[in-house]
Amino acid sequence: MLWYAARLEATLGLPRLLLATAVVPGLLYLGLGAVRAPAFALPAAFVIVGLKLLRAPLLSDLINRLVASDNRATILSGVSMLERLVVFLLYPMVGWAADRSLSLAFAGLGAVTLLFAALSRLPRGPLGEPPVGGL
């Protein structure tokens, strides 16, 4: 999928591609909460991981384009630290929820993912494209 990242970005535009890489996993998490068939779960897991792997270099490239080189290392470090903090806080909660109900844990992950996708957006301007996503 990473081989097609440039083609996907050229076709959809960066804001729409980033939105898709957030919304599709959210919908798949909701699907995993509702469908227990391995025929759905295995491909869904691969798509979720694949879209995360696609999203990471897109965001890194976006930061590299938008942040001056003087501040870039600090910003990238801060983003990495924030990501690790979210993982540190979220993993035990998801584990606890999965111990109670795996379906509800997946549904909760889907809801949280879609909520963050709805609340986040790219600003208009530096990319020359209108903002996509958000409220």
N, C-alpha and C. Protein backbone atom coordinates (compact mmCIF):
# COMPACT_ATOMS: atom_id res chain seq x y z
N MET A 1 0.82 -1.19 0.00
CA MET A 1 0.00 0.00 0.00
C MET A 1 0.87 1.26 0.00
N LEU A 2 2.03 1.16 0.65
CA LEU A 2 2.91 2.32 0.69
C LEU A 2 3.44 2.67 -0.70
N TRP A 3 3.55 1.66 -1.57
CA TRP A 3 4.02 1.93 -2.93
C TRP A 3 3.05 2.83 -3.67
N TYR A 4 1.77 2.79 -3.28
CA TYR A 4 0.75 3.57 -3.96
C TYR A 4 0.40 4.86 -3.21
N ALA A 5 1.15 5.19 -2.18
CA ALA A 5 0.83 6.36 -1.36
C ALA A 5 0.82 7.63 -2.20
N ALA A 6 1.82 7.81 -3.05
CA ALA A 6 1.86 9.03 -3.88
C ALA A 6 0.70 9.07 -4.85
N ARG A 7 0.36 7.92 -5.42
CA ARG A 7 -0.76 7.87 -6.36
C ARG A 7 -2.08 8.15 -5.64
N LEU A 8 -2.24 7.56 -4.45
CA LEU A 8 -3.45 7.82 -3.67
C LEU A 8 -3.55 9.29 -3.28
N GLU A 9 -2.42 9.87 -2.89
CA GLU A 9 -2.42 11.29 -2.52
C GLU A 9 -2.75 12.17 -3.71
N ALA A 10 -2.22 11.83 -4.88
CA ALA A 10 -2.51 12.62 -6.08
C ALA A 10 -3.97 12.48 -6.49
N THR A 11 -4.53 11.30 -6.29
CA THR A 11 -5.92 11.05 -6.70
C THR A 11 -6.91 11.68 -5.73
N LEU A 12 -6.73 11.43 -4.45
CA LEU A 12 -7.69 11.89 -3.45
C LEU A 12 -7.36 13.26 -2.88
N GLY A 13 -6.11 13.63 -2.90
CA GLY A 13 -5.67 14.83 -2.19
C GLY A 13 -5.34 14.44 -0.77
N LEU A 14 -4.38 15.11 -0.18
CA LEU A 14 -3.92 14.75 1.16
C LEU A 14 -5.02 14.84 2.22
N PRO A 15 -5.82 15.91 2.27
CA PRO A 15 -6.85 15.97 3.32
C PRO A 15 -7.84 14.81 3.24
N ARG A 16 -8.30 14.47 2.04
CA ARG A 16 -9.25 13.36 1.90
C ARG A 16 -8.60 12.01 2.22
N LEU A 17 -7.35 11.85 1.82
CA LEU A 17 -6.66 10.60 2.11
C LEU A 17 -6.46 10.42 3.61
N LEU A 18 -6.07 11.49 4.30
CA LEU A 18 -5.92 11.40 5.76
C LEU A 18 -7.26 11.13 6.44
N LEU A 19 -8.31 11.75 5.93
CA LEU A 19 -9.64 11.49 6.48
C LEU A 19 -10.03 10.03 6.27
N ALA A 20 -9.76 9.51 5.08
CA ALA A 20 -10.09 8.10 4.80
C ALA A 20 -9.30 7.15 5.69
N THR A 21 -8.03 7.49 5.95
CA THR A 21 -7.21 6.61 6.79
C THR A 21 -7.64 6.67 8.26
N ALA A 22 -8.51 7.59 8.60
CA ALA A 22 -9.06 7.64 9.95
C ALA A 22 -10.47 7.04 10.00
N VAL A 23 -11.28 7.35 9.00
CA VAL A 23 -12.68 6.91 9.01
C VAL A 23 -12.80 5.41 8.73
N VAL A 24 -12.07 4.91 7.74
CA VAL A 24 -12.18 3.49 7.38
C VAL A 24 -11.82 2.59 8.57
N PRO A 25 -10.70 2.83 9.28
CA PRO A 25 -10.44 1.98 10.46
C PRO A 25 -11.54 2.11 11.53
N GLY A 26 -12.08 3.30 11.71
CA GLY A 26 -13.17 3.46 12.68
C GLY A 26 -14.37 2.62 12.31
N LEU A 27 -14.72 2.63 11.03
CA LEU A 27 -15.85 1.80 10.58
C LEU A 27 -15.53 0.31 10.70
N LEU A 28 -14.30 -0.06 10.41
CA LEU A 28 -13.92 -1.46 10.54
C LEU A 28 -13.91 -1.91 12.01
N TYR A 29 -13.48 -1.04 12.91
CA TYR A 29 -13.58 -1.38 14.34
C TYR A 29 -15.04 -1.60 14.73
N LEU A 30 -15.93 -0.73 14.27
CA LEU A 30 -17.35 -0.94 14.55
C LEU A 30 -17.83 -2.26 13.98
N GLY A 31 -17.37 -2.57 12.76
CA GLY A 31 -17.72 -3.85 12.15
C GLY A 31 -17.20 -5.02 12.94
N LEU A 32 -15.98 -4.91 13.46
CA LEU A 32 -15.43 -5.98 14.29
C LEU A 32 -16.22 -6.17 15.57
N GLY A 33 -16.84 -5.08 16.05
CA GLY A 33 -17.69 -5.20 17.22
C GLY A 33 -18.99 -5.90 16.93
N ALA A 34 -19.42 -5.85 15.68
CA ALA A 34 -20.71 -6.43 15.31
C ALA A 34 -20.60 -7.80 14.65
N VAL A 35 -19.53 -8.05 13.92
CA VAL A 35 -19.38 -9.28 13.14
C VAL A 35 -18.31 -10.15 13.79
N ARG A 36 -18.62 -11.39 14.02
CA ARG A 36 -17.65 -12.28 14.67
C ARG A 36 -17.03 -13.26 13.70
N ALA A 37 -17.26 -13.10 12.43
CA ALA A 37 -16.76 -14.04 11.43
C ALA A 37 -15.28 -13.81 11.15
N PRO A 38 -14.47 -14.86 11.22
CA PRO A 38 -13.04 -14.71 10.89
C PRO A 38 -12.82 -14.21 9.46
N ALA A 39 -13.75 -14.52 8.56
CA ALA A 39 -13.63 -14.06 7.18
C ALA A 39 -13.71 -12.54 7.09
N PHE A 40 -14.31 -11.89 8.07
CA PHE A 40 -14.33 -10.43 8.13
C PHE A 40 -13.18 -9.91 8.99
N ALA A 41 -12.93 -10.57 10.10
CA ALA A 41 -11.97 -10.07 11.09
C ALA A 41 -10.55 -10.02 10.54
N LEU A 42 -10.12 -11.05 9.86
CA LEU A 42 -8.74 -11.07 9.38
C LEU A 42 -8.46 -9.98 8.34
N PRO A 43 -9.28 -9.87 7.28
CA PRO A 43 -9.02 -8.77 6.34
C PRO A 43 -9.17 -7.39 7.00
N ALA A 44 -10.13 -7.25 7.92
CA ALA A 44 -10.32 -5.96 8.60
C ALA A 44 -9.07 -5.59 9.38
N ALA A 45 -8.47 -6.55 10.07
CA ALA A 45 -7.26 -6.28 10.83
C ALA A 45 -6.12 -5.84 9.91
N PHE A 46 -5.98 -6.51 8.77
CA PHE A 46 -4.93 -6.13 7.82
C PHE A 46 -5.16 -4.74 7.25
N VAL A 47 -6.41 -4.39 6.96
CA VAL A 47 -6.70 -3.06 6.42
C VAL A 47 -6.44 -1.99 7.48
N ILE A 48 -6.84 -2.24 8.73
CA ILE A 48 -6.60 -1.28 9.80
C ILE A 48 -5.11 -1.02 9.96
N VAL A 49 -4.31 -2.07 10.03
CA VAL A 49 -2.86 -1.92 10.19
C VAL A 49 -2.26 -1.26 8.95
N GLY A 50 -2.71 -1.67 7.76
CA GLY A 50 -2.19 -1.09 6.52
C GLY A 50 -2.46 0.40 6.43
N LEU A 51 -3.65 0.82 6.84
CA LEU A 51 -3.96 2.25 6.79
C LEU A 51 -3.17 3.04 7.83
N LYS A 52 -2.88 2.42 8.98
CA LYS A 52 -2.02 3.09 9.96
C LYS A 52 -0.62 3.27 9.40
N LEU A 53 -0.13 2.22 8.72
CA LEU A 53 1.19 2.31 8.11
C LEU A 53 1.23 3.32 6.97
N LEU A 54 0.11 3.49 6.28
CA LEU A 54 0.03 4.50 5.23
C LEU A 54 -0.03 5.90 5.83
N ARG A 55 -0.76 6.05 6.91
CA ARG A 55 -0.98 7.36 7.54
C ARG A 55 0.30 7.95 8.14
N ALA A 56 1.13 7.12 8.73
CA ALA A 56 2.33 7.61 9.43
C ALA A 56 3.26 8.42 8.51
N PRO A 57 3.67 7.91 7.35
CA PRO A 57 4.55 8.72 6.50
C PRO A 57 3.85 9.94 5.91
N LEU A 58 2.54 9.85 5.68
CA LEU A 58 1.80 11.01 5.18
C LEU A 58 1.84 12.15 6.19
N LEU A 59 1.61 11.82 7.46
CA LEU A 59 1.65 12.85 8.50
C LEU A 59 3.06 13.39 8.71
N SER A 60 4.04 12.50 8.65
CA SER A 60 5.43 12.94 8.80
C SER A 60 5.81 13.89 7.66
N ASP A 61 5.42 13.55 6.44
CA ASP A 61 5.70 14.42 5.30
C ASP A 61 4.98 15.75 5.44
N LEU A 62 3.74 15.71 5.92
CA LEU A 62 2.98 16.95 6.12
C LEU A 62 3.68 17.85 7.13
N ILE A 63 4.13 17.27 8.23
CA ILE A 63 4.84 18.06 9.24
C ILE A 63 6.12 18.63 8.66
N ASN A 64 6.84 17.82 7.89
CA ASN A 64 8.08 18.30 7.27
C ASN A 64 7.83 19.47 6.32
N ARG A 65 6.68 19.46 5.64
CA ARG A 65 6.36 20.55 4.72
C ARG A 65 5.88 21.81 5.43
N LEU A 66 5.21 21.65 6.57
CA LEU A 66 4.58 22.80 7.22
C LEU A 66 5.42 23.45 8.31
N VAL A 67 6.39 22.73 8.85
CA VAL A 67 7.16 23.24 9.99
C VAL A 67 8.55 23.63 9.52
N ALA A 68 8.99 24.80 9.94
CA ALA A 68 10.33 25.27 9.60
C ALA A 68 11.37 24.31 10.17
N SER A 69 12.50 24.21 9.49
CA SER A 69 13.51 23.23 9.88
C SER A 69 14.05 23.49 11.29
N ASP A 70 14.02 24.75 11.75
CA ASP A 70 14.51 25.06 13.11
C ASP A 70 13.68 24.35 14.18
N ASN A 71 12.38 24.20 13.94
CA ASN A 71 11.48 23.62 14.94
C ASN A 71 11.07 22.19 14.63
N ARG A 72 11.46 21.67 13.50
CA ARG A 72 10.95 20.38 13.03
C ARG A 72 11.25 19.24 14.00
N ALA A 73 12.48 19.14 14.49
CA ALA A 73 12.84 18.04 15.40
C ALA A 73 12.03 18.10 16.68
N THR A 74 11.81 19.31 17.19
CA THR A 74 11.03 19.47 18.41
C THR A 74 9.58 19.05 18.18
N ILE A 75 9.02 19.47 17.06
CA ILE A 75 7.62 19.12 16.75
C ILE A 75 7.48 17.62 16.56
N LEU A 76 8.37 17.01 15.78
CA LEU A 76 8.31 15.57 15.55
C LEU A 76 8.47 14.80 16.86
N SER A 77 9.35 15.25 17.73
CA SER A 77 9.54 14.62 19.02
C SER A 77 8.29 14.76 19.88
N GLY A 78 7.70 15.94 19.88
CA GLY A 78 6.47 16.17 20.64
C GLY A 78 5.32 15.31 20.15
N VAL A 79 5.19 15.18 18.83
CA VAL A 79 4.14 14.34 18.26
C VAL A 79 4.35 12.88 18.66
N SER A 80 5.60 12.43 18.60
CA SER A 80 5.91 11.06 18.99
C SER A 80 5.61 10.83 20.47
N MET A 81 5.94 11.79 21.31
CA MET A 81 5.68 11.67 22.74
C MET A 81 4.16 11.63 23.00
N LEU A 82 3.41 12.46 22.30
CA LEU A 82 1.96 12.47 22.47
C LEU A 82 1.36 11.14 22.03
N GLU A 83 1.86 10.59 20.92
CA GLU A 83 1.38 9.29 20.45
C GLU A 83 1.65 8.21 21.50
N ARG A 84 2.84 8.20 22.07
CA ARG A 84 3.18 7.20 23.09
C ARG A 84 2.34 7.39 24.35
N LEU A 85 2.03 8.62 24.71
CA LEU A 85 1.19 8.88 25.88
C LEU A 85 -0.23 8.34 25.65
N VAL A 86 -0.77 8.57 24.46
CA VAL A 86 -2.10 8.06 24.14
C VAL A 86 -2.10 6.53 24.18
N VAL A 87 -1.07 5.91 23.62
CA VAL A 87 -0.97 4.44 23.65
C VAL A 87 -0.87 3.96 25.10
N PHE A 88 -0.06 4.62 25.89
CA PHE A 88 0.13 4.26 27.29
C PHE A 88 -1.19 4.31 28.06
N LEU A 89 -2.01 5.31 27.77
CA LEU A 89 -3.28 5.45 28.47
C LEU A 89 -4.37 4.55 27.87
N LEU A 90 -4.36 4.38 26.57
CA LEU A 90 -5.45 3.68 25.90
C LEU A 90 -5.34 2.16 26.00
N TYR A 91 -4.15 1.61 25.89
CA TYR A 91 -4.00 0.15 25.88
C TYR A 91 -4.58 -0.52 27.13
N PRO A 92 -4.28 -0.03 28.34
CA PRO A 92 -4.88 -0.69 29.51
C PRO A 92 -6.41 -0.58 29.52
N MET A 93 -6.94 0.56 29.07
CA MET A 93 -8.40 0.71 29.03
C MET A 93 -9.04 -0.25 28.03
N VAL A 94 -8.42 -0.39 26.86
CA VAL A 94 -8.94 -1.31 25.86
C VAL A 94 -8.81 -2.75 26.36
N GLY A 95 -7.71 -3.08 27.00
CA GLY A 95 -7.55 -4.42 27.57
C GLY A 95 -8.60 -4.71 28.61
N TRP A 96 -8.87 -3.75 29.47
CA TRP A 96 -9.91 -3.91 30.49
C TRP A 96 -11.27 -4.12 29.83
N ALA A 97 -11.57 -3.29 28.82
CA ALA A 97 -12.85 -3.42 28.12
C ALA A 97 -12.94 -4.76 27.39
N ALA A 98 -11.84 -5.22 26.79
CA ALA A 98 -11.85 -6.49 26.07
C ALA A 98 -12.05 -7.66 27.02
N ASP A 99 -11.58 -7.53 28.26
CA ASP A 99 -11.82 -8.58 29.24
C ASP A 99 -13.31 -8.71 29.55
N ARG A 100 -14.02 -7.61 29.49
CA ARG A 100 -15.46 -7.64 29.75
C ARG A 100 -16.24 -8.07 28.52
N SER A 101 -15.93 -7.47 27.36
CA SER A 101 -16.63 -7.79 26.11
C SER A 101 -15.78 -7.32 24.94
N LEU A 102 -15.31 -8.27 24.16
CA LEU A 102 -14.48 -7.92 23.00
C LEU A 102 -15.28 -7.11 21.99
N SER A 103 -16.54 -7.45 21.81
CA SER A 103 -17.39 -6.71 20.88
C SER A 103 -17.54 -5.25 21.30
N LEU A 104 -17.77 -5.04 22.59
CA LEU A 104 -17.91 -3.66 23.08
C LEU A 104 -16.58 -2.91 23.01
N ALA A 105 -15.47 -3.61 23.21
CA ALA A 105 -14.16 -2.96 23.11
C ALA A 105 -13.93 -2.48 21.68
N PHE A 106 -14.23 -3.33 20.69
CA PHE A 106 -14.07 -2.91 19.30
C PHE A 106 -15.04 -1.78 18.96
N ALA A 107 -16.26 -1.86 19.43
CA ALA A 107 -17.23 -0.80 19.16
C ALA A 107 -16.76 0.52 19.78
N GLY A 108 -16.21 0.45 20.98
CA GLY A 108 -15.68 1.65 21.63
C GLY A 108 -14.50 2.24 20.86
N LEU A 109 -13.60 1.37 20.40
CA LEU A 109 -12.48 1.85 19.58
C LEU A 109 -12.98 2.53 18.31
N GLY A 110 -13.99 1.92 17.69
CA GLY A 110 -14.56 2.52 16.48
C GLY A 110 -15.18 3.87 16.75
N ALA A 111 -15.92 3.97 17.85
CA ALA A 111 -16.56 5.24 18.19
C ALA A 111 -15.51 6.33 18.47
N VAL A 112 -14.49 5.98 19.24
CA VAL A 112 -13.44 6.95 19.56
C VAL A 112 -12.68 7.37 18.30
N THR A 113 -12.37 6.40 17.45
CA THR A 113 -11.66 6.70 16.21
C THR A 113 -12.49 7.63 15.32
N LEU A 114 -13.78 7.35 15.18
CA LEU A 114 -14.64 8.21 14.35
C LEU A 114 -14.82 9.59 14.99
N LEU A 115 -14.88 9.65 16.31
CA LEU A 115 -14.99 10.94 16.99
C LEU A 115 -13.76 11.80 16.70
N PHE A 116 -12.57 11.22 16.84
CA PHE A 116 -11.35 11.99 16.56
C PHE A 116 -11.25 12.35 15.09
N ALA A 117 -11.71 11.48 14.20
CA ALA A 117 -11.72 11.80 12.77
C ALA A 117 -12.64 12.98 12.50
N ALA A 118 -13.78 13.03 13.20
CA ALA A 118 -14.72 14.13 13.00
C ALA A 118 -14.21 15.45 13.58
N LEU A 119 -13.43 15.37 14.65
CA LEU A 119 -12.96 16.59 15.31
C LEU A 119 -11.66 17.13 14.73
N SER A 120 -10.96 16.34 13.95
CA SER A 120 -9.69 16.81 13.41
C SER A 120 -9.86 17.25 11.97
N ARG A 121 -9.08 18.22 11.58
CA ARG A 121 -9.13 18.72 10.21
C ARG A 121 -7.82 19.42 9.88
N LEU A 122 -7.55 19.50 8.61
CA LEU A 122 -6.37 20.23 8.15
C LEU A 122 -6.76 21.66 7.84
N PRO A 123 -5.90 22.60 8.15
CA PRO A 123 -6.22 24.00 7.85
C PRO A 123 -6.13 24.28 6.36
N ARG A 124 -6.86 25.27 5.92
CA ARG A 124 -6.76 25.72 4.53
C ARG A 124 -5.49 26.55 4.43
N GLY A 125 -4.88 26.53 3.30
CA GLY A 125 -3.75 27.41 3.11
C GLY A 125 -2.52 26.72 2.57
N PRO A 126 -1.65 26.23 3.44
CA PRO A 126 -0.35 25.75 2.98
C PRO A 126 -0.45 24.62 1.96
N LEU A 127 -1.53 23.83 2.03
CA LEU A 127 -1.68 22.73 1.09
C LEU A 127 -2.42 23.14 -0.16
N GLY A 128 -3.02 24.34 -0.13
CA GLY A 128 -3.74 24.82 -1.30
C GLY A 128 -5.05 24.09 -1.54
N GLU A 129 -5.54 23.39 -0.52
CA GLU A 129 -6.77 22.64 -0.66
C GLU A 129 -7.73 23.08 0.45
N PRO A 130 -9.02 22.95 0.21
CA PRO A 130 -9.96 23.28 1.28
C PRO A 130 -9.88 22.24 2.38
N PRO A 131 -10.24 22.62 3.61
CA PRO A 131 -10.21 21.66 4.70
C PRO A 131 -11.24 20.56 4.47
N VAL A 132 -10.89 19.36 4.90
CA VAL A 132 -11.79 18.22 4.79
C VAL A 132 -11.91 17.60 6.16
N GLY A 133 -13.12 17.22 6.52
CA GLY A 133 -13.33 16.58 7.81
C GLY A 133 -13.61 17.61 8.88
N GLY A 134 -13.86 17.13 10.02
CA GLY A 134 -14.11 18.01 11.15
C GLY A 134 -15.52 18.55 11.14
N LEU A 135 -15.80 19.34 12.12
CA LEU A 135 -17.15 19.90 12.28
C LEU A 135 -17.21 21.32 11.81
